[in-house]
Amino acid sequence: TIGNLTGLTRAASGTMTTLRWDGKSRSG
């Protein structure tokens, strides 16, 4: 594991959910 995707932590059925990665490791 290198980095985390960020964004919503809960998604509703049938809705578009977006997570983002800033290109950085967990240490920044």
PDB file of all heavy atoms in Angstrom:
ATOM      1  N   THR A   1       0.849  -1.191   0.000  1.00  0.00           N
ATOM      2  CA  THR A   1       0.000   0.000   0.000  1.00  0.00           C
ATOM      3  C   THR A   1       0.885   1.241   0.000  1.00  0.00           C
ATOM      4  O   THR A   1       1.767   1.385   0.839  1.00  0.00           O
ATOM      5  CB  THR A   1      -0.935   0.007   1.216  1.00  0.00           C
ATOM      6  OG1 THR A   1      -1.779  -1.146   1.140  1.00  0.00           O
ATOM      7  CG2 THR A   1      -1.799   1.259   1.247  1.00  0.00           C
ATOM      8  N   ILE A   2       0.621   2.130  -0.958  1.00  0.00           N
ATOM      9  CA  ILE A   2       1.429   3.333  -1.134  1.00  0.00           C
ATOM     10  C   ILE A   2       0.692   4.576  -0.666  1.00  0.00           C
ATOM     11  O   ILE A   2       1.264   5.437  -0.015  1.00  0.00           O
ATOM     12  CB  ILE A   2       1.792   3.488  -2.623  1.00  0.00           C
ATOM     13  CG1 ILE A   2       2.631   2.313  -3.018  1.00  0.00           C
ATOM     14  CG2 ILE A   2       2.421   4.825  -2.906  1.00  0.00           C
ATOM     15  CD1 ILE A   2       3.473   2.439  -4.189  1.00  0.00           C
ATOM     16  N   GLY A   3      -0.567   4.704  -1.035  1.00  0.00           N
ATOM     17  CA  GLY A   3      -1.336   5.900  -0.716  1.00  0.00           C
ATOM     18  C   GLY A   3      -2.799   5.575  -0.514  1.00  0.00           C
ATOM     19  O   GLY A   3      -3.241   4.442  -0.723  1.00  0.00           O
ATOM     20  N   ASN A   4      -3.548   6.588  -0.105  1.00  0.00           N
ATOM     21  CA  ASN A   4      -4.980   6.428   0.150  1.00  0.00           C
ATOM     22  C   ASN A   4      -5.796   7.235  -0.839  1.00  0.00           C
ATOM     23  O   ASN A   4      -5.415   8.355  -1.199  1.00  0.00           O
ATOM     24  CB  ASN A   4      -5.328   6.914   1.557  1.00  0.00           C
ATOM     25  CG  ASN A   4      -4.673   6.081   2.621  1.00  0.00           C
ATOM     26  OD1 ASN A   4      -4.706   4.861   2.569  1.00  0.00           O
ATOM     27  ND2 ASN A   4      -4.065   6.734   3.587  1.00  0.00           N
ATOM     28  N   LEU A   5      -6.928   6.686  -1.236  1.00  0.00           N
ATOM     29  CA  LEU A   5      -7.914   7.446  -1.986  1.00  0.00           C
ATOM     30  C   LEU A   5      -8.758   8.192  -0.965  1.00  0.00           C
ATOM     31  O   LEU A   5      -9.075   7.653   0.102  1.00  0.00           O
ATOM     32  CB  LEU A   5      -8.797   6.517  -2.812  1.00  0.00           C
ATOM     33  CG  LEU A   5      -8.092   5.794  -3.969  1.00  0.00           C
ATOM     34  CD1 LEU A   5      -8.943   4.651  -4.475  1.00  0.00           C
ATOM     35  CD2 LEU A   5      -7.783   6.764  -5.081  1.00  0.00           C
ATOM     36  N   THR A   6      -9.094   9.426  -1.251  1.00  0.00           N
ATOM     37  CA  THR A   6      -9.874  10.239  -0.326  1.00  0.00           C
ATOM     38  C   THR A   6     -11.216  10.600  -0.947  1.00  0.00           C
ATOM     39  O   THR A   6     -11.382  10.568  -2.158  1.00  0.00           O
ATOM     40  CB  THR A   6      -9.121  11.530   0.061  1.00  0.00           C
ATOM     41  OG1 THR A   6      -8.864  12.290  -1.126  1.00  0.00           O
ATOM     42  CG2 THR A   6      -7.816  11.216   0.767  1.00  0.00           C
ATOM     43  N   GLY A   7     -12.147  10.965  -0.108  1.00  0.00           N
ATOM     44  CA  GLY A   7     -13.481  11.347  -0.558  1.00  0.00           C
ATOM     45  C   GLY A   7     -14.516  10.792   0.388  1.00  0.00           C
ATOM     46  O   GLY A   7     -14.252  10.605   1.578  1.00  0.00           O
ATOM     47  N   LEU A   8     -15.674  10.490  -0.136  1.00  0.00           N
ATOM     48  CA  LEU A   8     -16.765   9.948   0.675  1.00  0.00           C
ATOM     49  C   LEU A   8     -16.381   8.611   1.283  1.00  0.00           C
ATOM     50  O   LEU A   8     -15.625   7.844   0.684  1.00  0.00           O
ATOM     51  CB  LEU A   8     -18.017   9.761  -0.176  1.00  0.00           C
ATOM     52  CG  LEU A   8     -18.656  11.028  -0.746  1.00  0.00           C
ATOM     53  CD1 LEU A   8     -19.805  10.651  -1.674  1.00  0.00           C
ATOM     54  CD2 LEU A   8     -19.144  11.918   0.370  1.00  0.00           C
ATOM     55  N   THR A   9     -16.907   8.326   2.447  1.00  0.00           N
ATOM     56  CA  THR A   9     -16.674   7.029   3.077  1.00  0.00           C
ATOM     57  C   THR A   9     -17.921   6.160   3.043  1.00  0.00           C
ATOM     58  O   THR A   9     -17.893   5.020   3.468  1.00  0.00           O
ATOM     59  CB  THR A   9     -16.213   7.192   4.545  1.00  0.00           C
ATOM     60  OG1 THR A   9     -17.212   7.918   5.262  1.00  0.00           O
ATOM     61  CG2 THR A   9     -14.880   7.916   4.617  1.00  0.00           C
ATOM     62  N   ARG A  10     -19.017   6.709   2.512  1.00  0.00           N
ATOM     63  CA  ARG A  10     -20.270   5.962   2.398  1.00  0.00           C
ATOM     64  C   ARG A  10     -20.870   6.269   1.028  1.00  0.00           C
ATOM     65  O   ARG A  10     -20.871   7.414   0.589  1.00  0.00           O
ATOM     66  CB  ARG A  10     -21.239   6.384   3.496  1.00  0.00           C
ATOM     67  CG  ARG A  10     -22.473   5.551   3.546  1.00  0.00           C
ATOM     68  CD  ARG A  10     -22.628   4.951   4.955  1.00  0.00           C
ATOM     69  NE  ARG A  10     -23.788   4.111   5.042  1.00  0.00           N
ATOM     70  CZ  ARG A  10     -23.723   2.797   5.049  1.00  0.00           C
ATOM     71  NH1 ARG A  10     -22.578   2.187   4.986  1.00  0.00           N
ATOM     72  NH2 ARG A  10     -24.815   2.073   5.148  1.00  0.00           N
ATOM     73  N   ALA A  11     -21.352   5.242   0.350  1.00  0.00           N
ATOM     74  CA  ALA A  11     -21.939   5.407  -0.976  1.00  0.00           C
ATOM     75  C   ALA A  11     -23.342   4.819  -0.998  1.00  0.00           C
ATOM     76  O   ALA A  11     -23.582   3.760  -0.414  1.00  0.00           O
ATOM     77  CB  ALA A  11     -21.078   4.708  -2.021  1.00  0.00           C
ATOM     78  N   ALA A  12     -24.239   5.509  -1.659  1.00  0.00           N
ATOM     79  CA  ALA A  12     -25.614   5.029  -1.814  1.00  0.00           C
ATOM     80  C   ALA A  12     -25.724   4.195  -3.085  1.00  0.00           C
ATOM     81  O   ALA A  12     -25.018   4.433  -4.061  1.00  0.00           O
ATOM     82  CB  ALA A  12     -26.568   6.217  -1.887  1.00  0.00           C
ATOM     83  N   SER A  13     -26.614   3.237  -3.071  1.00  0.00           N
ATOM     84  CA  SER A  13     -26.826   2.363  -4.212  1.00  0.00           C
ATOM     85  C   SER A  13     -27.206   3.166  -5.455  1.00  0.00           C
ATOM     86  O   SER A  13     -28.066   4.046  -5.397  1.00  0.00           O
ATOM     87  CB  SER A  13     -27.942   1.373  -3.895  1.00  0.00           C
ATOM     88  OG  SER A  13     -28.215   0.562  -5.006  1.00  0.00           O
ATOM     89  N   GLY A  14     -26.536   2.868  -6.556  1.00  0.00           N
ATOM     90  CA  GLY A  14     -26.878   3.477  -7.839  1.00  0.00           C
ATOM     91  C   GLY A  14     -26.393   4.893  -8.060  1.00  0.00           C
ATOM     92  O   GLY A  14     -26.687   5.468  -9.099  1.00  0.00           O
ATOM     93  N   THR A  15     -25.686   5.472  -7.120  1.00  0.00           N
ATOM     94  CA  THR A  15     -25.182   6.834  -7.321  1.00  0.00           C
ATOM     95  C   THR A  15     -23.697   6.799  -7.657  1.00  0.00           C
ATOM     96  O   THR A  15     -22.952   5.946  -7.174  1.00  0.00           O
ATOM     97  CB  THR A  15     -25.390   7.718  -6.076  1.00  0.00           C
ATOM     98  OG1 THR A  15     -24.683   7.157  -4.977  1.00  0.00           O
ATOM     99  CG2 THR A  15     -26.855   7.838  -5.733  1.00  0.00           C
ATOM    100  N   MET A  16     -23.267   7.736  -8.498  1.00  0.00           N
ATOM    101  CA  MET A  16     -21.862   7.829  -8.874  1.00  0.00           C
ATOM    102  C   MET A  16     -21.066   8.333  -7.675  1.00  0.00           C
ATOM    103  O   MET A  16     -21.419   9.325  -7.060  1.00  0.00           O
ATOM    104  CB  MET A  16     -21.699   8.790 -10.059  1.00  0.00           C
ATOM    105  CG  MET A  16     -20.293   8.863 -10.596  1.00  0.00           C
ATOM    106  SD  MET A  16     -19.677   7.319 -11.300  1.00  0.00           S
ATOM    107  CE  MET A  16     -20.678   7.174 -12.756  1.00  0.00           C
ATOM    108  N   THR A  17     -20.018   7.623  -7.322  1.00  0.00           N
ATOM    109  CA  THR A  17     -19.144   7.988  -6.212  1.00  0.00           C
ATOM    110  C   THR A  17     -17.757   8.269  -6.771  1.00  0.00           C
ATOM    111  O   THR A  17     -17.306   7.576  -7.680  1.00  0.00           O
ATOM    112  CB  THR A  17     -19.069   6.837  -5.187  1.00  0.00           C
ATOM    113  OG1 THR A  17     -20.393   6.579  -4.706  1.00  0.00           O
ATOM    114  CG2 THR A  17     -18.172   7.192  -4.019  1.00  0.00           C
ATOM    115  N   THR A  18     -17.089   9.280  -6.244  1.00  0.00           N
ATOM    116  CA  THR A  18     -15.753   9.637  -6.710  1.00  0.00           C
ATOM    117  C   THR A  18     -14.780   9.650  -5.543  1.00  0.00           C
ATOM    118  O   THR A  18     -15.057  10.249  -4.508  1.00  0.00           O
ATOM    119  CB  THR A  18     -15.761  11.039  -7.369  1.00  0.00           C
ATOM    120  OG1 THR A  18     -16.677  11.039  -8.468  1.00  0.00           O
ATOM    121  CG2 THR A  18     -14.374  11.414  -7.875  1.00  0.00           C
ATOM    122  N   LEU A  19     -13.661   8.962  -5.728  1.00  0.00           N
ATOM    123  CA  LEU A  19     -12.546   9.013  -4.786  1.00  0.00           C
ATOM    124  C   LEU A  19     -11.356   9.612  -5.529  1.00  0.00           C
ATOM    125  O   LEU A  19     -11.241   9.458  -6.744  1.00  0.00           O
ATOM    126  CB  LEU A  19     -12.191   7.612  -4.264  1.00  0.00           C
ATOM    127  CG  LEU A  19     -13.266   6.910  -3.444  1.00  0.00           C
ATOM    128  CD1 LEU A  19     -12.791   5.512  -3.057  1.00  0.00           C
ATOM    129  CD2 LEU A  19     -13.621   7.710  -2.204  1.00  0.00           C
ATOM    130  N   ARG A  20     -10.449  10.264  -4.804  1.00  0.00           N
ATOM    131  CA  ARG A  20      -9.334  10.953  -5.442  1.00  0.00           C
ATOM    132  C   ARG A  20      -8.010  10.551  -4.803  1.00  0.00           C
ATOM    133  O   ARG A  20      -7.923  10.341  -3.606  1.00  0.00           O
ATOM    134  CB  ARG A  20      -9.533  12.456  -5.304  1.00  0.00           C
ATOM    135  CG  ARG A  20      -8.393  13.253  -5.866  1.00  0.00           C
ATOM    136  CD  ARG A  20      -8.835  14.613  -6.375  1.00  0.00           C
ATOM    137  NE  ARG A  20      -7.704  15.412  -6.793  1.00  0.00           N
ATOM    138  CZ  ARG A  20      -6.973  15.217  -7.867  1.00  0.00           C
ATOM    139  NH1 ARG A  20      -7.238  14.226  -8.678  1.00  0.00           N
ATOM    140  NH2 ARG A  20      -5.963  15.995  -8.180  1.00  0.00           N
ATOM    141  N   TRP A  21      -6.966  10.490  -5.649  1.00  0.00           N
ATOM    142  CA  TRP A  21      -5.599  10.295  -5.179  1.00  0.00           C
ATOM    143  C   TRP A  21      -4.778  11.477  -5.647  1.00  0.00           C
ATOM    144  O   TRP A  21      -4.820  11.852  -6.822  1.00  0.00           O
ATOM    145  CB  TRP A  21      -5.010   9.004  -5.716  1.00  0.00           C
ATOM    146  CG  TRP A  21      -3.619   8.734  -5.227  1.00  0.00           C
ATOM    147  CD1 TRP A  21      -3.170   8.817  -3.942  1.00  0.00           C
ATOM    148  CD2 TRP A  21      -2.497   8.327  -6.006  1.00  0.00           C
ATOM    149  NE1 TRP A  21      -1.837   8.481  -3.871  1.00  0.00           N
ATOM    150  CE2 TRP A  21      -1.397   8.175  -5.132  1.00  0.00           C
ATOM    151  CE3 TRP A  21      -2.301   8.075  -7.356  1.00  0.00           C
ATOM    152  CZ2 TRP A  21      -0.143   7.778  -5.565  1.00  0.00           C
ATOM    153  CZ3 TRP A  21      -1.054   7.673  -7.783  1.00  0.00           C
ATOM    154  CH2 TRP A  21       0.007   7.531  -6.893  1.00  0.00           C
ATOM    155  N   ASP A  22      -4.032  12.089  -4.733  1.00  0.00           N
ATOM    156  CA  ASP A  22      -3.243  13.275  -5.064  1.00  0.00           C
ATOM    157  C   ASP A  22      -1.846  12.963  -5.585  1.00  0.00           C
ATOM    158  O   ASP A  22      -1.052  13.851  -5.846  1.00  0.00           O
ATOM    159  CB  ASP A  22      -3.148  14.212  -3.851  1.00  0.00           C
ATOM    160  CG  ASP A  22      -2.438  13.582  -2.658  1.00  0.00           C
ATOM    161  OD1 ASP A  22      -1.951  12.431  -2.759  1.00  0.00           O
ATOM    162  OD2 ASP A  22      -2.396  14.246  -1.604  1.00  0.00           O
ATOM    163  N   GLY A  23      -1.518  11.682  -5.756  1.00  0.00           N
ATOM    164  CA  GLY A  23      -0.212  11.304  -6.276  1.00  0.00           C
ATOM    165  C   GLY A  23       0.873  11.249  -5.215  1.00  0.00           C
ATOM    166  O   GLY A  23       2.054  11.186  -5.528  1.00  0.00           O
ATOM    167  N   LYS A  24       0.467  11.269  -3.943  1.00  0.00           N
ATOM    168  CA  LYS A  24       1.434  11.248  -2.846  1.00  0.00           C
ATOM    169  C   LYS A  24       1.300   9.976  -2.023  1.00  0.00           C
ATOM    170  O   LYS A  24       0.240   9.364  -1.956  1.00  0.00           O
ATOM    171  CB  LYS A  24       1.235  12.462  -1.946  1.00  0.00           C
ATOM    172  CG  LYS A  24       1.521  13.773  -2.662  1.00  0.00           C
ATOM    173  CD  LYS A  24       1.341  14.948  -1.737  1.00  0.00           C
ATOM    174  CE  LYS A  24       1.593  16.254  -2.485  1.00  0.00           C
ATOM    175  NZ  LYS A  24       1.360  17.413  -1.622  1.00  0.00           N
ATOM    176  N   SER A  25       2.403   9.614  -1.359  1.00  0.00           N
ATOM    177  CA  SER A  25       2.413   8.449  -0.486  1.00  0.00           C
ATOM    178  C   SER A  25       1.685   8.775   0.808  1.00  0.00           C
ATOM    179  O   SER A  25       1.342   9.932   1.068  1.00  0.00           O
ATOM    180  CB  SER A  25       3.848   8.036  -0.178  1.00  0.00           C
ATOM    181  OG  SER A  25       4.454   9.013   0.653  1.00  0.00           O
ATOM    182  N   ARG A  26       1.504   7.779   1.639  1.00  0.00           N
ATOM    183  CA  ARG A  26       0.873   7.994   2.945  1.00  0.00           C
ATOM    184  C   ARG A  26       1.661   8.975   3.803  1.00  0.00           C
ATOM    185  O   ARG A  26       1.099   9.659   4.651  1.00  0.00           O
ATOM    186  CB  ARG A  26       0.730   6.669   3.690  1.00  0.00           C
ATOM    187  CG  ARG A  26      -0.350   5.790   3.122  1.00  0.00           C
ATOM    188  CD  ARG A  26      -0.435   4.510   3.905  1.00  0.00           C
ATOM    189  NE  ARG A  26      -1.735   3.897   3.698  1.00  0.00           N
ATOM    190  CZ  ARG A  26      -2.099   2.773   4.252  1.00  0.00           C
ATOM    191  NH1 ARG A  26      -1.271   2.121   5.054  1.00  0.00           N
ATOM    192  NH2 ARG A  26      -3.293   2.277   4.021  1.00  0.00           N
ATOM    193  N   SER A  27       2.976   9.055   3.594  1.00  0.00           N
ATOM    194  CA  SER A  27       3.811   9.977   4.372  1.00  0.00           C
ATOM    195  C   SER A  27       3.829  11.383   3.774  1.00  0.00           C
ATOM    196  O   SER A  27       4.418  12.286   4.356  1.00  0.00           O
ATOM    197  CB  SER A  27       5.240   9.440   4.476  1.00  0.00           C
ATOM    198  OG  SER A  27       5.844   9.417   3.192  1.00  0.00           O
ATOM    199  N   GLY A  28       3.200  11.559   2.616  1.00  0.00           N
ATOM    200  CA  GLY A  28       3.104  12.878   2.000  1.00  0.00           C
ATOM    201  C   GLY A  28       4.125  13.167   0.926  1.00  0.00           C
ATOM    202  O   GLY A  28       4.109  14.238   0.327  1.00  0.00           O
TER     203      GLY A  28
END
